[in-house]
Amino acid sequence: IIAYYIRMALAKLGEECIAKIRDRS
């Protein structure tokens, strides 16, 4: 359970990072 929630939190953060990097003006 702990491993699952850690992986999901890191993946969500990764998706947010990609959006911040790629989607700039």
mmCIF file of all heavy atoms, coordinates in Angstrom:
data_MODEL
# 
_entry.id   MODEL 
# 
loop_
_atom_site.group_PDB 
_atom_site.id 
_atom_site.type_symbol 
_atom_site.label_atom_id 
_atom_site.label_alt_id 
_atom_site.label_comp_id 
_atom_site.label_asym_id 
_atom_site.label_entity_id 
_atom_site.label_seq_id 
_atom_site.pdbx_PDB_ins_code 
_atom_site.Cartn_x 
_atom_site.Cartn_y 
_atom_site.Cartn_z 
_atom_site.occupancy 
_atom_site.B_iso_or_equiv 
_atom_site.pdbx_formal_charge 
_atom_site.auth_seq_id 
_atom_site.auth_comp_id 
_atom_site.auth_asym_id 
_atom_site.auth_atom_id 
_atom_site.pdbx_PDB_model_num 
ATOM 1   N N   . ILE A 1 1  ? 0.833  -1.206 0.000   1.00 0.00 ? 1  ILE A N   1 
ATOM 2   C CA  . ILE A 1 1  ? 0.000  0.000  0.000   1.00 0.00 ? 1  ILE A CA  1 
ATOM 3   C C   . ILE A 1 1  ? 0.867  1.256  0.000   1.00 0.00 ? 1  ILE A C   1 
ATOM 4   O O   . ILE A 1 1  ? 0.641  2.186  -0.784  1.00 0.00 ? 1  ILE A O   1 
ATOM 5   C CB  . ILE A 1 1  ? -0.972 -0.003 1.202   1.00 0.00 ? 1  ILE A CB  1 
ATOM 6   C CG1 . ILE A 1 1  ? -2.041 -1.084 0.996   1.00 0.00 ? 1  ILE A CG1 1 
ATOM 7   C CG2 . ILE A 1 1  ? -1.601 1.374  1.415   1.00 0.00 ? 1  ILE A CG2 1 
ATOM 8   C CD1 . ILE A 1 1  ? -2.877 -1.386 2.223   1.00 0.00 ? 1  ILE A CD1 1 
ATOM 9   N N   . ILE A 1 2  ? 1.877  1.287  0.857   1.00 0.00 ? 2  ILE A N   1 
ATOM 10  C CA  . ILE A 1 2  ? 2.766  2.459  0.926   1.00 0.00 ? 2  ILE A CA  1 
ATOM 11  C C   . ILE A 1 2  ? 3.481  2.654  -0.410  1.00 0.00 ? 2  ILE A C   1 
ATOM 12  O O   . ILE A 1 2  ? 3.550  3.767  -0.934  1.00 0.00 ? 2  ILE A O   1 
ATOM 13  C CB  . ILE A 1 2  ? 3.768  2.316  2.090   1.00 0.00 ? 2  ILE A CB  1 
ATOM 14  C CG1 . ILE A 1 2  ? 3.020  2.429  3.427   1.00 0.00 ? 2  ILE A CG1 1 
ATOM 15  C CG2 . ILE A 1 2  ? 4.885  3.356  1.985   1.00 0.00 ? 2  ILE A CG2 1 
ATOM 16  C CD1 . ILE A 1 2  ? 3.846  2.027  4.637   1.00 0.00 ? 2  ILE A CD1 1 
ATOM 17  N N   . ALA A 1 3  ? 4.002  1.583  -0.982  1.00 0.00 ? 3  ALA A N   1 
ATOM 18  C CA  . ALA A 1 3  ? 4.713  1.677  -2.267  1.00 0.00 ? 3  ALA A CA  1 
ATOM 19  C C   . ALA A 1 3  ? 3.786  2.218  -3.350  1.00 0.00 ? 3  ALA A C   1 
ATOM 20  O O   . ALA A 1 3  ? 4.191  3.062  -4.163  1.00 0.00 ? 3  ALA A O   1 
ATOM 21  C CB  . ALA A 1 3  ? 5.263  0.308  -2.672  1.00 0.00 ? 3  ALA A CB  1 
ATOM 22  N N   . TYR A 1 4  ? 2.545  1.769  -3.364  1.00 0.00 ? 4  TYR A N   1 
ATOM 23  C CA  . TYR A 1 4  ? 1.584  2.240  -4.356  1.00 0.00 ? 4  TYR A CA  1 
ATOM 24  C C   . TYR A 1 4  ? 1.375  3.750  -4.240  1.00 0.00 ? 4  TYR A C   1 
ATOM 25  O O   . TYR A 1 4  ? 1.442  4.476  -5.235  1.00 0.00 ? 4  TYR A O   1 
ATOM 26  C CB  . TYR A 1 4  ? 0.248  1.513  -4.184  1.00 0.00 ? 4  TYR A CB  1 
ATOM 27  C CG  . TYR A 1 4  ? -0.859 2.131  -5.001  1.00 0.00 ? 4  TYR A CG  1 
ATOM 28  C CD1 . TYR A 1 4  ? -0.985 1.863  -6.354  1.00 0.00 ? 4  TYR A CD1 1 
ATOM 29  C CD2 . TYR A 1 4  ? -1.774 3.007  -4.415  1.00 0.00 ? 4  TYR A CD2 1 
ATOM 30  C CE1 . TYR A 1 4  ? -1.986 2.449  -7.117  1.00 0.00 ? 4  TYR A CE1 1 
ATOM 31  C CE2 . TYR A 1 4  ? -2.782 3.592  -5.164  1.00 0.00 ? 4  TYR A CE2 1 
ATOM 32  C CZ  . TYR A 1 4  ? -2.887 3.307  -6.513  1.00 0.00 ? 4  TYR A CZ  1 
ATOM 33  O OH  . TYR A 1 4  ? -3.873 3.888  -7.260  1.00 0.00 ? 4  TYR A OH  1 
ATOM 34  N N   . TYR A 1 5  ? 1.134  4.236  -3.050  1.00 0.00 ? 5  TYR A N   1 
ATOM 35  C CA  . TYR A 1 5  ? 0.870  5.662  -2.872  1.00 0.00 ? 5  TYR A CA  1 
ATOM 36  C C   . TYR A 1 5  ? 2.111  6.519  -3.168  1.00 0.00 ? 5  TYR A C   1 
ATOM 37  O O   . TYR A 1 5  ? 1.986  7.625  -3.698  1.00 0.00 ? 5  TYR A O   1 
ATOM 38  C CB  . TYR A 1 5  ? 0.312  5.956  -1.481  1.00 0.00 ? 5  TYR A CB  1 
ATOM 39  C CG  . TYR A 1 5  ? -1.160 5.648  -1.401  1.00 0.00 ? 5  TYR A CG  1 
ATOM 40  C CD1 . TYR A 1 5  ? -1.632 4.468  -0.843  1.00 0.00 ? 5  TYR A CD1 1 
ATOM 41  C CD2 . TYR A 1 5  ? -2.095 6.541  -1.923  1.00 0.00 ? 5  TYR A CD2 1 
ATOM 42  C CE1 . TYR A 1 5  ? -2.988 4.185  -0.797  1.00 0.00 ? 5  TYR A CE1 1 
ATOM 43  C CE2 . TYR A 1 5  ? -3.450 6.262  -1.879  1.00 0.00 ? 5  TYR A CE2 1 
ATOM 44  C CZ  . TYR A 1 5  ? -3.890 5.083  -1.313  1.00 0.00 ? 5  TYR A CZ  1 
ATOM 45  O OH  . TYR A 1 5  ? -5.235 4.814  -1.280  1.00 0.00 ? 5  TYR A OH  1 
ATOM 46  N N   . ILE A 1 6  ? 3.284  6.021  -2.865  1.00 0.00 ? 6  ILE A N   1 
ATOM 47  C CA  . ILE A 1 6  ? 4.516  6.748  -3.211  1.00 0.00 ? 6  ILE A CA  1 
ATOM 48  C C   . ILE A 1 6  ? 4.652  6.824  -4.726  1.00 0.00 ? 6  ILE A C   1 
ATOM 49  O O   . ILE A 1 6  ? 4.905  7.899  -5.285  1.00 0.00 ? 6  ILE A O   1 
ATOM 50  C CB  . ILE A 1 6  ? 5.755  6.076  -2.585  1.00 0.00 ? 6  ILE A CB  1 
ATOM 51  C CG1 . ILE A 1 6  ? 5.760  6.293  -1.071  1.00 0.00 ? 6  ILE A CG1 1 
ATOM 52  C CG2 . ILE A 1 6  ? 7.043  6.619  -3.210  1.00 0.00 ? 6  ILE A CG2 1 
ATOM 53  C CD1 . ILE A 1 6  ? 6.838  5.514  -0.332  1.00 0.00 ? 6  ILE A CD1 1 
ATOM 54  N N   . ARG A 1 7  ? 4.472  5.700  -5.404  1.00 0.00 ? 7  ARG A N   1 
ATOM 55  C CA  . ARG A 1 7  ? 4.580  5.699  -6.878  1.00 0.00 ? 7  ARG A CA  1 
ATOM 56  C C   . ARG A 1 7  ? 3.568  6.647  -7.509  1.00 0.00 ? 7  ARG A C   1 
ATOM 57  O O   . ARG A 1 7  ? 3.900  7.400  -8.433  1.00 0.00 ? 7  ARG A O   1 
ATOM 58  C CB  . ARG A 1 7  ? 4.378  4.286  -7.435  1.00 0.00 ? 7  ARG A CB  1 
ATOM 59  C CG  . ARG A 1 7  ? 5.546  3.360  -7.200  1.00 0.00 ? 7  ARG A CG  1 
ATOM 60  C CD  . ARG A 1 7  ? 5.397  2.064  -7.984  1.00 0.00 ? 7  ARG A CD  1 
ATOM 61  N NE  . ARG A 1 7  ? 4.127  1.404  -7.808  1.00 0.00 ? 7  ARG A NE  1 
ATOM 62  C CZ  . ARG A 1 7  ? 3.879  0.450  -6.919  1.00 0.00 ? 7  ARG A CZ  1 
ATOM 63  N NH1 . ARG A 1 7  ? 4.821  0.040  -6.097  1.00 0.00 ? 7  ARG A NH1 1 
ATOM 64  N NH2 . ARG A 1 7  ? 2.683  -0.113 -6.852  1.00 0.00 ? 7  ARG A NH2 1 
ATOM 65  N N   . MET A 1 8  ? 2.337  6.628  -7.017  1.00 0.00 ? 8  MET A N   1 
ATOM 66  C CA  . MET A 1 8  ? 1.307  7.496  -7.606  1.00 0.00 ? 8  MET A CA  1 
ATOM 67  C C   . MET A 1 8  ? 1.607  8.972  -7.361  1.00 0.00 ? 8  MET A C   1 
ATOM 68  O O   . MET A 1 8  ? 1.407  9.808  -8.250  1.00 0.00 ? 8  MET A O   1 
ATOM 69  C CB  . MET A 1 8  ? -0.078 7.146  -7.042  1.00 0.00 ? 8  MET A CB  1 
ATOM 70  C CG  . MET A 1 8  ? -0.599 5.774  -7.465  1.00 0.00 ? 8  MET A CG  1 
ATOM 71  S SD  . MET A 1 8  ? -0.737 5.575  -9.248  1.00 0.00 ? 8  MET A SD  1 
ATOM 72  C CE  . MET A 1 8  ? 0.683  4.558  -9.599  1.00 0.00 ? 8  MET A CE  1 
ATOM 73  N N   . ALA A 1 9  ? 2.109  9.306  -6.177  1.00 0.00 ? 9  ALA A N   1 
ATOM 74  C CA  . ALA A 1 9  ? 2.447  10.708 -5.885  1.00 0.00 ? 9  ALA A CA  1 
ATOM 75  C C   . ALA A 1 9  ? 3.591  11.179 -6.780  1.00 0.00 ? 9  ALA A C   1 
ATOM 76  O O   . ALA A 1 9  ? 3.550  12.294 -7.312  1.00 0.00 ? 9  ALA A O   1 
ATOM 77  C CB  . ALA A 1 9  ? 2.828  10.861 -4.412  1.00 0.00 ? 9  ALA A CB  1 
ATOM 78  N N   . LEU A 1 10 ? 4.598  10.335 -6.968  1.00 0.00 ? 10 LEU A N   1 
ATOM 79  C CA  . LEU A 1 10 ? 5.720  10.717 -7.818  1.00 0.00 ? 10 LEU A CA  1 
ATOM 80  C C   . LEU A 1 10 ? 5.296  10.817 -9.279  1.00 0.00 ? 10 LEU A C   1 
ATOM 81  O O   . LEU A 1 10 ? 5.731  11.727 -9.999  1.00 0.00 ? 10 LEU A O   1 
ATOM 82  C CB  . LEU A 1 10 ? 6.877  9.730  -7.648  1.00 0.00 ? 10 LEU A CB  1 
ATOM 83  C CG  . LEU A 1 10 ? 7.568  9.756  -6.280  1.00 0.00 ? 10 LEU A CG  1 
ATOM 84  C CD1 . LEU A 1 10 ? 8.624  8.659  -6.198  1.00 0.00 ? 10 LEU A CD1 1 
ATOM 85  C CD2 . LEU A 1 10 ? 8.168  11.120 -5.973  1.00 0.00 ? 10 LEU A CD2 1 
ATOM 86  N N   . ALA A 1 11 ? 4.439  9.910  -9.731  1.00 0.00 ? 11 ALA A N   1 
ATOM 87  C CA  . ALA A 1 11 ? 3.964  9.966  -11.122 1.00 0.00 ? 11 ALA A CA  1 
ATOM 88  C C   . ALA A 1 11 ? 3.149  11.230 -11.373 1.00 0.00 ? 11 ALA A C   1 
ATOM 89  O O   . ALA A 1 11 ? 3.305  11.885 -12.411 1.00 0.00 ? 11 ALA A O   1 
ATOM 90  C CB  . ALA A 1 11 ? 3.147  8.724  -11.453 1.00 0.00 ? 11 ALA A CB  1 
ATOM 91  N N   . LYS A 1 12 ? 2.292  11.585 -10.424 1.00 0.00 ? 12 LYS A N   1 
ATOM 92  C CA  . LYS A 1 12 ? 1.503  12.807 -10.580 1.00 0.00 ? 12 LYS A CA  1 
ATOM 93  C C   . LYS A 1 12 ? 2.426  14.029 -10.644 1.00 0.00 ? 12 LYS A C   1 
ATOM 94  O O   . LYS A 1 12 ? 2.236  14.924 -11.476 1.00 0.00 ? 12 LYS A O   1 
ATOM 95  C CB  . LYS A 1 12 ? 0.507  12.957 -9.439  1.00 0.00 ? 12 LYS A CB  1 
ATOM 96  C CG  . LYS A 1 12 ? -0.422 14.162 -9.582  1.00 0.00 ? 12 LYS A CG  1 
ATOM 97  C CD  . LYS A 1 12 ? -1.481 14.168 -8.488  1.00 0.00 ? 12 LYS A CD  1 
ATOM 98  C CE  . LYS A 1 12 ? -2.525 15.219 -8.723  1.00 0.00 ? 12 LYS A CE  1 
ATOM 99  N NZ  . LYS A 1 12 ? -2.114 16.567 -8.413  1.00 0.00 ? 12 LYS A NZ  1 
ATOM 100 N N   . LEU A 1 13 ? 3.427  14.052 -9.799  1.00 0.00 ? 13 LEU A N   1 
ATOM 101 C CA  . LEU A 1 13 ? 4.398  15.144 -9.822  1.00 0.00 ? 13 LEU A CA  1 
ATOM 102 C C   . LEU A 1 13 ? 5.152  15.160 -11.155 1.00 0.00 ? 13 LEU A C   1 
ATOM 103 O O   . LEU A 1 13 ? 5.394  16.228 -11.732 1.00 0.00 ? 13 LEU A O   1 
ATOM 104 C CB  . LEU A 1 13 ? 5.365  15.023 -8.642  1.00 0.00 ? 13 LEU A CB  1 
ATOM 105 C CG  . LEU A 1 13 ? 6.355  16.150 -8.443  1.00 0.00 ? 13 LEU A CG  1 
ATOM 106 C CD1 . LEU A 1 13 ? 5.670  17.497 -8.317  1.00 0.00 ? 13 LEU A CD1 1 
ATOM 107 C CD2 . LEU A 1 13 ? 7.213  15.867 -7.209  1.00 0.00 ? 13 LEU A CD2 1 
ATOM 108 N N   . GLY A 1 14 ? 5.498  13.999 -11.677 1.00 0.00 ? 14 GLY A N   1 
ATOM 109 C CA  . GLY A 1 14 ? 6.155  13.916 -12.977 1.00 0.00 ? 14 GLY A CA  1 
ATOM 110 C C   . GLY A 1 14 ? 5.294  14.493 -14.086 1.00 0.00 ? 14 GLY A C   1 
ATOM 111 O O   . GLY A 1 14 ? 5.783  15.243 -14.947 1.00 0.00 ? 14 GLY A O   1 
ATOM 112 N N   . GLU A 1 15 ? 4.005  14.165 -14.077 1.00 0.00 ? 15 GLU A N   1 
ATOM 113 C CA  . GLU A 1 15 ? 3.083  14.704 -15.090 1.00 0.00 ? 15 GLU A CA  1 
ATOM 114 C C   . GLU A 1 15 ? 2.993  16.222 -14.984 1.00 0.00 ? 15 GLU A C   1 
ATOM 115 O O   . GLU A 1 15 ? 2.968  16.930 -15.999 1.00 0.00 ? 15 GLU A O   1 
ATOM 116 C CB  . GLU A 1 15 ? 1.689  14.089 -14.947 1.00 0.00 ? 15 GLU A CB  1 
ATOM 117 C CG  . GLU A 1 15 ? 1.622  12.620 -15.302 1.00 0.00 ? 15 GLU A CG  1 
ATOM 118 C CD  . GLU A 1 15 ? 1.862  12.335 -16.780 1.00 0.00 ? 15 GLU A CD  1 
ATOM 119 O OE1 . GLU A 1 15 ? 1.614  13.221 -17.626 1.00 0.00 ? 15 GLU A OE1 1 
ATOM 120 O OE2 . GLU A 1 15 ? 2.310  11.216 -17.084 1.00 0.00 ? 15 GLU A OE2 1 
ATOM 121 N N   . GLU A 1 16 ? 2.957  16.726 -13.764 1.00 0.00 ? 16 GLU A N   1 
ATOM 122 C CA  . GLU A 1 16 ? 2.908  18.178 -13.572 1.00 0.00 ? 16 GLU A CA  1 
ATOM 123 C C   . GLU A 1 16 ? 4.195  18.843 -14.065 1.00 0.00 ? 16 GLU A C   1 
ATOM 124 O O   . GLU A 1 16 ? 4.147  19.929 -14.651 1.00 0.00 ? 16 GLU A O   1 
ATOM 125 C CB  . GLU A 1 16 ? 2.669  18.508 -12.102 1.00 0.00 ? 16 GLU A CB  1 
ATOM 126 C CG  . GLU A 1 16 ? 1.276  18.149 -11.633 1.00 0.00 ? 16 GLU A CG  1 
ATOM 127 C CD  . GLU A 1 16 ? 1.110  18.346 -10.143 1.00 0.00 ? 16 GLU A CD  1 
ATOM 128 O OE1 . GLU A 1 16 ? 1.712  17.573 -9.357  1.00 0.00 ? 16 GLU A OE1 1 
ATOM 129 O OE2 . GLU A 1 16 ? 0.379  19.278 -9.770  1.00 0.00 ? 16 GLU A OE2 1 
ATOM 130 N N   . CYS A 1 17 ? 5.321  18.191 -13.845 1.00 0.00 ? 17 CYS A N   1 
ATOM 131 C CA  . CYS A 1 17 ? 6.597  18.734 -14.327 1.00 0.00 ? 17 CYS A CA  1 
ATOM 132 C C   . CYS A 1 17 ? 6.601  18.819 -15.848 1.00 0.00 ? 17 CYS A C   1 
ATOM 133 O O   . CYS A 1 17 ? 7.009  19.840 -16.412 1.00 0.00 ? 17 CYS A O   1 
ATOM 134 C CB  . CYS A 1 17 ? 7.767  17.869 -13.845 1.00 0.00 ? 17 CYS A CB  1 
ATOM 135 S SG  . CYS A 1 17 ? 8.138  18.042 -12.087 1.00 0.00 ? 17 CYS A SG  1 
ATOM 136 N N   . ILE A 1 18 ? 6.165  17.772 -16.498 1.00 0.00 ? 18 ILE A N   1 
ATOM 137 C CA  . ILE A 1 18 ? 6.128  17.782 -17.967 1.00 0.00 ? 18 ILE A CA  1 
ATOM 138 C C   . ILE A 1 18 ? 5.245  18.926 -18.462 1.00 0.00 ? 18 ILE A C   1 
ATOM 139 O O   . ILE A 1 18 ? 5.623  19.656 -19.380 1.00 0.00 ? 18 ILE A O   1 
ATOM 140 C CB  . ILE A 1 18 ? 5.621  16.435 -18.516 1.00 0.00 ? 18 ILE A CB  1 
ATOM 141 C CG1 . ILE A 1 18 ? 6.661  15.361 -18.287 1.00 0.00 ? 18 ILE A CG1 1 
ATOM 142 C CG2 . ILE A 1 18 ? 5.300  16.537 -20.003 1.00 0.00 ? 18 ILE A CG2 1 
ATOM 143 C CD1 . ILE A 1 18 ? 6.184  13.983 -18.663 1.00 0.00 ? 18 ILE A CD1 1 
ATOM 144 N N   . ALA A 1 19 ? 4.086  19.082 -17.863 1.00 0.00 ? 19 ALA A N   1 
ATOM 145 C CA  . ALA A 1 19 ? 3.185  20.161 -18.271 1.00 0.00 ? 19 ALA A CA  1 
ATOM 146 C C   . ALA A 1 19 ? 3.846  21.522 -18.081 1.00 0.00 ? 19 ALA A C   1 
ATOM 147 O O   . ALA A 1 19 ? 3.767  22.387 -18.956 1.00 0.00 ? 19 ALA A O   1 
ATOM 148 C CB  . ALA A 1 19 ? 1.874  20.081 -17.496 1.00 0.00 ? 19 ALA A CB  1 
ATOM 149 N N   . LYS A 1 20 ? 4.533  21.719 -16.946 1.00 0.00 ? 20 LYS A N   1 
ATOM 150 C CA  . LYS A 1 20 ? 5.195  22.999 -16.689 1.00 0.00 ? 20 LYS A CA  1 
ATOM 151 C C   . LYS A 1 20 ? 6.291  23.277 -17.723 1.00 0.00 ? 20 LYS A C   1 
ATOM 152 O O   . LYS A 1 20 ? 6.484  24.410 -18.132 1.00 0.00 ? 20 LYS A O   1 
ATOM 153 C CB  . LYS A 1 20 ? 5.803  23.025 -15.281 1.00 0.00 ? 20 LYS A CB  1 
ATOM 154 C CG  . LYS A 1 20 ? 4.820  23.251 -14.180 1.00 0.00 ? 20 LYS A CG  1 
ATOM 155 C CD  . LYS A 1 20 ? 5.562  23.293 -12.853 1.00 0.00 ? 20 LYS A CD  1 
ATOM 156 C CE  . LYS A 1 20 ? 4.713  23.868 -11.763 1.00 0.00 ? 20 LYS A CE  1 
ATOM 157 N NZ  . LYS A 1 20 ? 4.302  25.243 -11.968 1.00 0.00 ? 20 LYS A NZ  1 
ATOM 158 N N   . ILE A 1 21 ? 7.003  22.241 -18.117 1.00 0.00 ? 21 ILE A N   1 
ATOM 159 C CA  . ILE A 1 21 ? 8.119  22.426 -19.047 1.00 0.00 ? 21 ILE A CA  1 
ATOM 160 C C   . ILE A 1 21 ? 7.627  22.623 -20.477 1.00 0.00 ? 21 ILE A C   1 
ATOM 161 O O   . ILE A 1 21 ? 8.050  23.533 -21.177 1.00 0.00 ? 21 ILE A O   1 
ATOM 162 C CB  . ILE A 1 21 ? 9.081  21.219 -18.986 1.00 0.00 ? 21 ILE A CB  1 
ATOM 163 C CG1 . ILE A 1 21 ? 9.712  21.109 -17.596 1.00 0.00 ? 21 ILE A CG1 1 
ATOM 164 C CG2 . ILE A 1 21 ? 10.163 21.342 -20.057 1.00 0.00 ? 21 ILE A CG2 1 
ATOM 165 C CD1 . ILE A 1 21 ? 10.374 19.774 -17.316 1.00 0.00 ? 21 ILE A CD1 1 
ATOM 166 N N   . ARG A 1 22 ? 6.734  21.783 -20.899 1.00 0.00 ? 22 ARG A N   1 
ATOM 167 C CA  . ARG A 1 22 ? 6.300  21.790 -22.302 1.00 0.00 ? 22 ARG A CA  1 
ATOM 168 C C   . ARG A 1 22 ? 5.326  22.900 -22.645 1.00 0.00 ? 22 ARG A C   1 
ATOM 169 O O   . ARG A 1 22 ? 5.322  23.396 -23.763 1.00 0.00 ? 22 ARG A O   1 
ATOM 170 C CB  . ARG A 1 22 ? 5.612  20.463 -22.649 1.00 0.00 ? 22 ARG A CB  1 
ATOM 171 C CG  . ARG A 1 22 ? 6.561  19.348 -22.942 1.00 0.00 ? 22 ARG A CG  1 
ATOM 172 C CD  . ARG A 1 22 ? 5.781  18.188 -23.465 1.00 0.00 ? 22 ARG A CD  1 
ATOM 173 N NE  . ARG A 1 22 ? 6.669  17.153 -23.962 1.00 0.00 ? 22 ARG A NE  1 
ATOM 174 C CZ  . ARG A 1 22 ? 6.247  16.043 -24.502 1.00 0.00 ? 22 ARG A CZ  1 
ATOM 175 N NH1 . ARG A 1 22 ? 4.960  15.817 -24.625 1.00 0.00 ? 22 ARG A NH1 1 
ATOM 176 N NH2 . ARG A 1 22 ? 7.101  15.144 -24.933 1.00 0.00 ? 22 ARG A NH2 1 
ATOM 177 N N   . ASP A 1 23 ? 4.472  23.268 -21.722 1.00 0.00 ? 23 ASP A N   1 
ATOM 178 C CA  . ASP A 1 23 ? 3.344  24.149 -22.034 1.00 0.00 ? 23 ASP A CA  1 
ATOM 179 C C   . ASP A 1 23 ? 3.596  25.610 -21.692 1.00 0.00 ? 23 ASP A C   1 
ATOM 180 O O   . ASP A 1 23 ? 2.707  26.305 -21.224 1.00 0.00 ? 23 ASP A O   1 
ATOM 181 C CB  . ASP A 1 23 ? 2.084  23.645 -21.322 1.00 0.00 ? 23 ASP A CB  1 
ATOM 182 C CG  . ASP A 1 23 ? 1.698  22.243 -21.759 1.00 0.00 ? 23 ASP A CG  1 
ATOM 183 O OD1 . ASP A 1 23 ? 2.099  21.841 -22.867 1.00 0.00 ? 23 ASP A OD1 1 
ATOM 184 O OD2 . ASP A 1 23 ? 0.999  21.557 -20.999 1.00 0.00 ? 23 ASP A OD2 1 
ATOM 185 N N   . ARG A 1 24 ? 4.777  26.080 -21.958 1.00 0.00 ? 24 ARG A N   1 
ATOM 186 C CA  . ARG A 1 24 ? 5.098  27.481 -21.708 1.00 0.00 ? 24 ARG A CA  1 
ATOM 187 C C   . ARG A 1 24 ? 4.817  28.310 -22.956 1.00 0.00 ? 24 ARG A C   1 
ATOM 188 O O   . ARG A 1 24 ? 4.869  27.809 -24.070 1.00 0.00 ? 24 ARG A O   1 
ATOM 189 C CB  . ARG A 1 24 ? 6.576  27.627 -21.371 1.00 0.00 ? 24 ARG A CB  1 
ATOM 190 C CG  . ARG A 1 24 ? 6.958  26.964 -20.085 1.00 0.00 ? 24 ARG A CG  1 
ATOM 191 C CD  . ARG A 1 24 ? 8.409  27.250 -19.799 1.00 0.00 ? 24 ARG A CD  1 
ATOM 192 N NE  . ARG A 1 24 ? 8.815  26.520 -18.614 1.00 0.00 ? 24 ARG A NE  1 
ATOM 193 C CZ  . ARG A 1 24 ? 9.939  25.834 -18.518 1.00 0.00 ? 24 ARG A CZ  1 
ATOM 194 N NH1 . ARG A 1 24 ? 10.784 25.805 -19.513 1.00 0.00 ? 24 ARG A NH1 1 
ATOM 195 N NH2 . ARG A 1 24 ? 10.233 25.204 -17.418 1.00 0.00 ? 24 ARG A NH2 1 
ATOM 196 N N   . SER A 1 25 ? 4.601  29.576 -22.731 1.00 0.00 ? 25 SER A N   1 
ATOM 197 C CA  . SER A 1 25 ? 4.443  30.475 -23.875 1.00 0.00 ? 25 SER A CA  1 
ATOM 198 C C   . SER A 1 25 ? 5.797  30.651 -24.553 1.00 0.00 ? 25 SER A C   1 
ATOM 199 O O   . SER A 1 25 ? 6.846  30.380 -23.965 1.00 0.00 ? 25 SER A O   1 
ATOM 200 C CB  . SER A 1 25 ? 3.913  31.830 -23.406 1.00 0.00 ? 25 SER A CB  1 
ATOM 201 O OG  . SER A 1 25 ? 4.920  32.513 -22.680 1.00 0.00 ? 25 SER A OG  1 
# 
